[in-house]
Amino acid sequence: MPRWKELPAELPPPARQLIVRLRGLKDRSGLSSRQLAARTGYSAKSWQRYLNGRSLPPQEAVAAMSRVCGEDPVRLLALHEIATEHRLEGRQPAARALESQPAPPAQVSLESLPAAPAQASLESQPAAPAQASGERQPYGRPLRAALTAAAVVTVLSVSAALLLAVRLTEARTQLAHQRDATAATAPATVSETLVPVIYTCRPERRDGRWHAGLSPTAEVLLSNTQVGLEVAEAQCLLRRAGSAPGDIDGVFGPKTRRAVEDLQKRNGLIVNGVIDPPTWNALRQADPS
């Protein structure tokens, strides 16, 4: 288990909790930073930066790590949303400080309010009223400046609050859409509630490419702990190509991973144990060995 560096003291609590959870996932998976990078698509340096608290990982990185480590991503994505909202709120300290300040023109007295009308009326008066005008004149301009500043501060505060509310709403909407899309397209992962199923392979060659009759996909990424028809299709094609994946049960386990690595070695591909588009292409075109 790696010895983690202490997280920065200024890290907000939601972000700190998220990073601690991600560290725990990495520890339980036993993956190195390079292995984690190969399976998630994010570089090892990026994961070191995320897990040491120097920057908040993007939502896609959190979902990818959950998938690779066999964790339900819903709770981690919800925690990521809270941390993101906390970071957005932290970008408006000046606006919140201005909202908490008392009104600037607190020292204004009732005597200084009619300064402008008094000046207009004094133009038609003799010398005596002119002295009164001279007494009030120093208070007129500071009052108007203070009132103008107060109005500007109020407008800026309201605008900042509205902008923050709009951005938070957009972020929540985007997250909801991405969750729906992920749930609709991503293969399932292994859980205790799954009932073992043995699939029947029906290999045939159509247009120069092999198919097992379970899934036509050639792009879905498959790795450890994933289940479904796509996995069963890959297992059938692995068996036909001479790499033994074990039972055709639609479960991506250790035997299936070893079979994938064997096929990748024989075809000169990157050996990562993940069925990616190049590996699918090799499966569709491979001849039995």
Protein backbone atom coordinates (compact mmCIF):
# COMPACT_ATOMS: atom_id res chain seq x y z
CA MET A 1 0.00 0.00 0.00
CA PRO A 2 1.54 3.38 -0.98
CA ARG A 3 2.40 5.95 1.62
CA TRP A 4 0.31 8.93 0.60
CA LYS A 5 1.46 12.52 1.02
CA GLU A 6 -0.51 14.69 3.40
CA LEU A 7 -3.21 16.62 1.55
CA PRO A 8 -2.94 20.45 1.39
CA ALA A 9 -4.40 22.18 4.44
CA GLU A 10 -6.39 24.62 2.31
CA LEU A 11 -8.19 21.79 0.44
CA PRO A 12 -12.00 22.14 0.99
CA PRO A 13 -13.66 19.30 2.96
CA PRO A 14 -15.74 17.92 0.01
CA ALA A 15 -12.67 17.73 -2.25
CA ARG A 16 -10.63 16.17 0.57
CA GLN A 17 -13.28 13.48 1.12
CA LEU A 18 -13.41 12.71 -2.63
CA ILE A 19 -9.63 12.33 -2.89
CA VAL A 20 -9.50 10.09 0.20
CA ARG A 21 -12.15 7.83 -1.40
CA LEU A 22 -10.18 7.70 -4.68
CA ARG A 23 -6.99 6.86 -2.79
CA GLY A 24 -8.80 4.00 -1.07
CA LEU A 25 -10.00 2.64 -4.44
CA LYS A 26 -6.46 2.71 -5.83
CA ASP A 27 -5.08 0.97 -2.73
CA ARG A 28 -7.68 -1.80 -2.90
CA SER A 29 -7.15 -2.32 -6.64
CA GLY A 30 -3.38 -2.72 -6.24
CA LEU A 31 -2.83 -0.80 -9.49
CA SER A 32 0.23 1.37 -10.01
CA SER A 33 -0.08 4.88 -11.45
CA ARG A 34 0.99 3.60 -14.88
CA GLN A 35 -1.52 0.76 -14.82
CA LEU A 36 -4.26 3.16 -13.74
CA ALA A 37 -3.28 5.51 -16.57
CA ALA A 38 -3.39 2.69 -19.15
CA ARG A 39 -6.90 1.63 -18.10
CA THR A 40 -8.49 5.06 -17.66
CA GLY A 41 -6.91 7.13 -20.42
CA TYR A 42 -5.52 9.74 -17.99
CA SER A 43 -1.73 10.02 -17.61
CA ALA A 44 0.16 8.85 -14.53
CA LYS A 45 1.24 12.45 -13.82
CA SER A 46 -2.40 13.54 -13.92
CA TRP A 47 -3.40 10.87 -11.39
CA GLN A 48 -0.51 11.86 -9.12
CA ARG A 49 -1.71 15.46 -9.30
CA TYR A 50 -5.33 14.46 -8.59
CA LEU A 51 -4.53 12.07 -5.73
CA ASN A 52 -2.14 14.51 -4.04
CA GLY A 53 -4.82 17.21 -3.93
CA ARG A 54 -3.12 19.65 -6.31
CA SER A 55 -6.14 19.78 -8.63
CA LEU A 56 -9.69 18.39 -8.67
CA PRO A 57 -10.03 15.42 -11.08
CA PRO A 58 -12.58 15.83 -13.90
CA GLN A 59 -15.87 13.96 -13.69
CA GLU A 60 -14.85 11.56 -16.49
CA ALA A 61 -11.69 10.56 -14.59
CA VAL A 62 -13.72 9.76 -11.46
CA ALA A 63 -16.14 7.62 -13.51
CA ALA A 64 -13.28 5.82 -15.28
CA MET A 65 -11.50 5.01 -12.00
CA SER A 66 -14.75 3.72 -10.48
CA ARG A 67 -15.25 1.44 -13.46
CA VAL A 68 -11.68 0.12 -13.44
CA CYS A 69 -11.75 -0.52 -9.66
CA GLY A 70 -15.20 -2.15 -9.69
CA GLU A 71 -16.89 0.61 -7.67
CA ASP A 72 -20.41 2.00 -8.13
CA PRO A 73 -19.70 5.50 -9.55
CA VAL A 74 -22.97 7.11 -8.38
CA ARG A 75 -21.76 8.10 -4.89
CA LEU A 76 -18.37 9.28 -6.11
CA LEU A 77 -19.94 11.39 -8.87
CA ALA A 78 -22.34 12.94 -6.36
CA LEU A 79 -19.39 13.77 -4.09
CA HIS A 80 -17.55 15.20 -7.11
CA GLU A 81 -20.54 17.44 -7.86
CA ILE A 82 -20.52 18.79 -4.29
CA ALA A 83 -16.78 19.46 -4.48
CA THR A 84 -17.24 21.24 -7.83
CA GLU A 85 -20.03 23.41 -6.43
CA HIS A 86 -17.86 24.28 -3.42
CA ARG A 87 -15.04 25.29 -5.79
CA LEU A 88 -17.40 27.48 -7.87
CA GLU A 89 -18.66 29.18 -4.74
CA GLY A 90 -15.07 29.85 -3.68
CA ARG A 91 -14.51 31.88 -6.87
CA GLN A 92 -16.85 34.63 -5.65
CA PRO A 93 -15.28 35.74 -2.33
CA ALA A 94 -15.34 39.41 -3.29
CA ALA A 95 -19.05 39.35 -4.09
CA ARG A 96 -19.90 37.62 -0.79
CA ALA A 97 -17.72 40.07 1.14
CA LEU A 98 -19.47 43.02 -0.45
CA GLU A 99 -22.89 41.57 0.39
CA SER A 100 -21.90 41.26 4.06
CA GLN A 101 -20.66 44.87 4.35
CA PRO A 102 -22.99 47.53 5.79
CA ALA A 103 -24.32 50.24 3.51
CA PRO A 104 -21.51 52.76 2.81
CA PRO A 105 -23.58 55.96 3.26
CA ALA A 106 -24.25 55.24 6.96
CA GLN A 107 -22.95 58.66 8.02
CA VAL A 108 -25.38 60.61 5.82
CA SER A 109 -27.64 62.94 7.82
CA LEU A 110 -31.03 64.26 6.91
CA GLU A 111 -29.64 67.79 6.68
CA SER A 112 -27.46 66.90 3.70
CA LEU A 113 -30.24 65.32 1.59
CA PRO A 114 -31.76 68.50 0.05
CA ALA A 115 -28.38 69.85 -1.12
CA ALA A 116 -29.23 70.00 -4.85
CA PRO A 117 -32.65 71.73 -4.46
CA ALA A 118 -31.13 74.24 -2.02
CA GLN A 119 -28.49 75.25 -4.55
CA ALA A 120 -31.16 75.91 -7.20
CA SER A 121 -33.23 78.10 -4.88
CA LEU A 122 -30.25 80.07 -3.60
CA GLU A 123 -29.41 81.38 -7.06
CA SER A 124 -32.33 83.84 -6.80
CA GLN A 125 -31.54 84.93 -3.21
CA PRO A 126 -29.27 87.79 -2.07
CA ALA A 127 -25.86 87.41 -0.37
CA ALA A 128 -27.06 85.93 2.97
CA PRO A 129 -28.47 82.69 1.51
CA ALA A 130 -25.22 82.33 -0.50
CA GLN A 131 -23.37 81.80 2.78
CA ALA A 132 -25.71 78.91 3.64
CA SER A 133 -25.03 77.40 0.23
CA GLY A 134 -21.33 77.63 0.91
CA GLU A 135 -21.78 75.76 4.19
CA ARG A 136 -23.61 72.82 2.62
CA GLN A 137 -21.58 72.51 -0.55
CA PRO A 138 -18.80 70.29 0.91
CA TYR A 139 -21.38 67.57 1.82
CA GLY A 140 -23.18 67.34 -1.53
CA ARG A 141 -20.54 65.62 -3.67
CA PRO A 142 -19.45 62.98 -1.06
CA LEU A 143 -23.10 62.07 -0.57
CA ARG A 144 -23.71 61.54 -4.27
CA ALA A 145 -20.46 59.56 -4.58
CA ALA A 146 -21.43 57.34 -1.64
CA LEU A 147 -24.90 56.68 -3.05
CA THR A 148 -23.44 55.85 -6.46
CA ALA A 149 -20.91 53.44 -4.91
CA ALA A 150 -23.66 51.74 -2.92
CA ALA A 151 -25.74 51.28 -6.07
CA VAL A 152 -22.78 49.81 -7.99
CA VAL A 153 -21.97 47.40 -5.15
CA THR A 154 -25.59 46.22 -5.01
CA VAL A 155 -25.77 45.65 -8.77
CA LEU A 156 -22.47 43.73 -8.79
CA SER A 157 -23.54 41.56 -5.86
CA VAL A 158 -26.89 40.67 -7.44
CA SER A 159 -25.22 39.97 -10.82
CA ALA A 160 -22.60 37.70 -9.24
CA ALA A 161 -25.28 35.76 -7.33
CA LEU A 162 -27.39 35.30 -10.47
CA LEU A 163 -24.38 34.20 -12.53
CA LEU A 164 -23.39 31.65 -9.89
CA ALA A 165 -26.94 30.26 -9.75
CA VAL A 166 -27.05 29.89 -13.54
CA ARG A 167 -23.68 28.12 -13.65
CA LEU A 168 -24.65 25.70 -10.89
CA THR A 169 -27.91 24.88 -12.67
CA GLU A 170 -26.06 24.24 -15.95
CA ALA A 171 -23.50 22.05 -14.17
CA ARG A 172 -26.23 19.94 -12.52
CA THR A 173 -28.07 19.53 -15.84
CA GLN A 174 -24.92 18.49 -17.67
CA LEU A 175 -24.04 15.98 -14.94
CA ALA A 176 -27.52 14.45 -15.10
CA HIS A 177 -27.29 14.06 -18.89
CA GLN A 178 -23.85 12.47 -18.65
CA ARG A 179 -25.07 10.04 -15.99
CA ASP A 180 -27.99 9.00 -18.19
CA ALA A 181 -25.69 8.53 -21.19
CA THR A 182 -23.20 6.50 -19.14
CA ALA A 183 -25.93 4.28 -17.73
CA ALA A 184 -27.32 3.65 -21.22
CA THR A 185 -24.04 2.82 -23.01
CA ALA A 186 -21.52 1.50 -20.48
CA PRO A 187 -21.34 -2.27 -19.90
CA ALA A 188 -22.38 -3.49 -16.47
CA THR A 189 -19.91 -4.61 -13.83
CA VAL A 190 -19.81 -7.78 -11.77
CA SER A 191 -22.05 -7.80 -8.69
CA GLU A 192 -23.37 -10.40 -6.27
CA THR A 193 -26.86 -10.22 -7.78
CA LEU A 194 -25.79 -11.46 -11.23
CA VAL A 195 -26.97 -14.97 -12.16
CA PRO A 196 -24.36 -17.06 -14.07
CA VAL A 197 -25.27 -17.55 -17.74
CA ILE A 198 -23.55 -19.70 -20.36
CA TYR A 199 -23.86 -18.29 -23.88
CA THR A 200 -23.81 -20.22 -27.15
CA CYS A 201 -21.27 -19.18 -29.78
CA ARG A 202 -22.42 -19.17 -33.42
CA PRO A 203 -19.31 -18.01 -35.29
CA GLU A 204 -19.76 -17.06 -38.92
CA ARG A 205 -17.86 -14.88 -41.36
CA ARG A 206 -19.68 -11.99 -43.01
CA ASP A 207 -17.98 -9.51 -45.33
CA GLY A 208 -14.56 -10.83 -44.30
CA ARG A 209 -15.16 -10.31 -40.56
CA TRP A 210 -16.02 -12.87 -37.88
CA HIS A 211 -19.15 -12.63 -35.73
CA ALA A 212 -20.41 -14.83 -32.90
CA GLY A 213 -24.06 -13.73 -33.09
CA LEU A 214 -24.14 -12.00 -29.67
CA SER A 215 -23.07 -8.40 -30.36
CA PRO A 216 -21.97 -6.53 -33.51
CA THR A 217 -19.86 -4.00 -31.59
CA ALA A 218 -16.28 -3.18 -32.54
CA GLU A 219 -15.74 -0.10 -30.35
CA VAL A 220 -16.99 -0.75 -26.79
CA LEU A 221 -14.09 -0.84 -24.30
CA LEU A 222 -14.09 -3.97 -22.14
CA SER A 223 -11.91 -4.69 -19.11
CA ASN A 224 -11.93 -6.46 -15.75
CA THR A 225 -15.26 -6.93 -13.89
CA GLN A 226 -17.48 -5.98 -16.86
CA VAL A 227 -20.30 -8.27 -17.94
CA GLY A 228 -22.79 -8.56 -20.78
CA LEU A 229 -23.30 -9.70 -24.33
CA GLU A 230 -20.29 -7.69 -25.56
CA VAL A 231 -18.03 -9.68 -23.22
CA ALA A 232 -19.59 -12.97 -24.37
CA GLU A 233 -19.06 -11.95 -28.02
CA ALA A 234 -15.39 -11.25 -27.30
CA GLN A 235 -15.01 -14.58 -25.45
CA CYS A 236 -16.42 -16.48 -28.44
CA LEU A 237 -14.03 -14.73 -30.82
CA LEU A 238 -11.08 -15.30 -28.47
CA ARG A 239 -11.86 -19.04 -28.34
CA ARG A 240 -12.18 -19.15 -32.14
CA ALA A 241 -8.81 -17.37 -32.48
CA GLY A 242 -7.08 -19.93 -30.25
CA SER A 243 -6.94 -18.01 -26.94
CA ALA A 244 -8.84 -19.78 -24.15
CA PRO A 245 -11.04 -17.31 -22.18
CA GLY A 246 -12.66 -19.95 -19.96
CA ASP A 247 -16.45 -20.33 -19.93
CA ILE A 248 -18.49 -18.20 -22.32
CA ASP A 249 -20.34 -16.59 -19.41
CA GLY A 250 -20.16 -12.91 -20.38
CA VAL A 251 -17.99 -12.10 -17.35
CA PHE A 252 -14.63 -10.42 -17.94
CA GLY A 253 -12.49 -12.27 -15.40
CA PRO A 254 -8.78 -13.24 -15.05
CA LYS A 255 -8.97 -16.01 -17.70
CA THR A 256 -10.54 -13.66 -20.23
CA ARG A 257 -7.89 -11.04 -19.49
CA ARG A 258 -5.06 -13.54 -20.04
CA ALA A 259 -6.64 -14.61 -23.32
CA VAL A 260 -6.85 -10.96 -24.44
CA GLU A 261 -3.20 -10.37 -23.56
CA ASP A 262 -2.21 -13.50 -25.51
CA LEU A 263 -4.12 -12.30 -28.59
CA GLN A 264 -2.55 -8.84 -28.30
CA LYS A 265 0.96 -10.33 -28.13
CA ARG A 266 0.37 -12.49 -31.18
CA ASN A 267 -0.95 -9.54 -33.20
CA GLY A 268 1.69 -6.99 -32.18
CA LEU A 269 -0.77 -4.81 -30.25
CA ILE A 270 -0.31 -2.95 -26.98
CA VAL A 271 -0.59 -5.59 -24.26
CA ASN A 272 -2.92 -4.07 -21.66
CA GLY A 273 -5.59 -6.73 -21.22
CA VAL A 274 -8.30 -4.29 -22.40
CA ILE A 275 -10.46 -4.97 -25.44
CA ASP A 276 -10.23 -1.70 -27.36
CA PRO A 277 -10.99 -0.98 -31.06
CA PRO A 278 -7.63 -2.37 -32.35
CA THR A 279 -8.21 -5.56 -30.33
CA TRP A 280 -11.77 -5.86 -31.65
CA ASN A 281 -10.39 -5.51 -35.18
CA ALA A 282 -7.92 -8.34 -34.53
CA LEU A 283 -10.72 -10.52 -33.11
CA ARG A 284 -12.98 -9.89 -36.10
CA GLN A 285 -10.22 -10.73 -38.60
CA ALA A 286 -8.19 -13.40 -36.76
CA ASP A 287 -7.73 -16.90 -38.08
CA PRO A 288 -7.53 -19.89 -35.71
CA SER A 289 -3.98 -20.61 -34.59
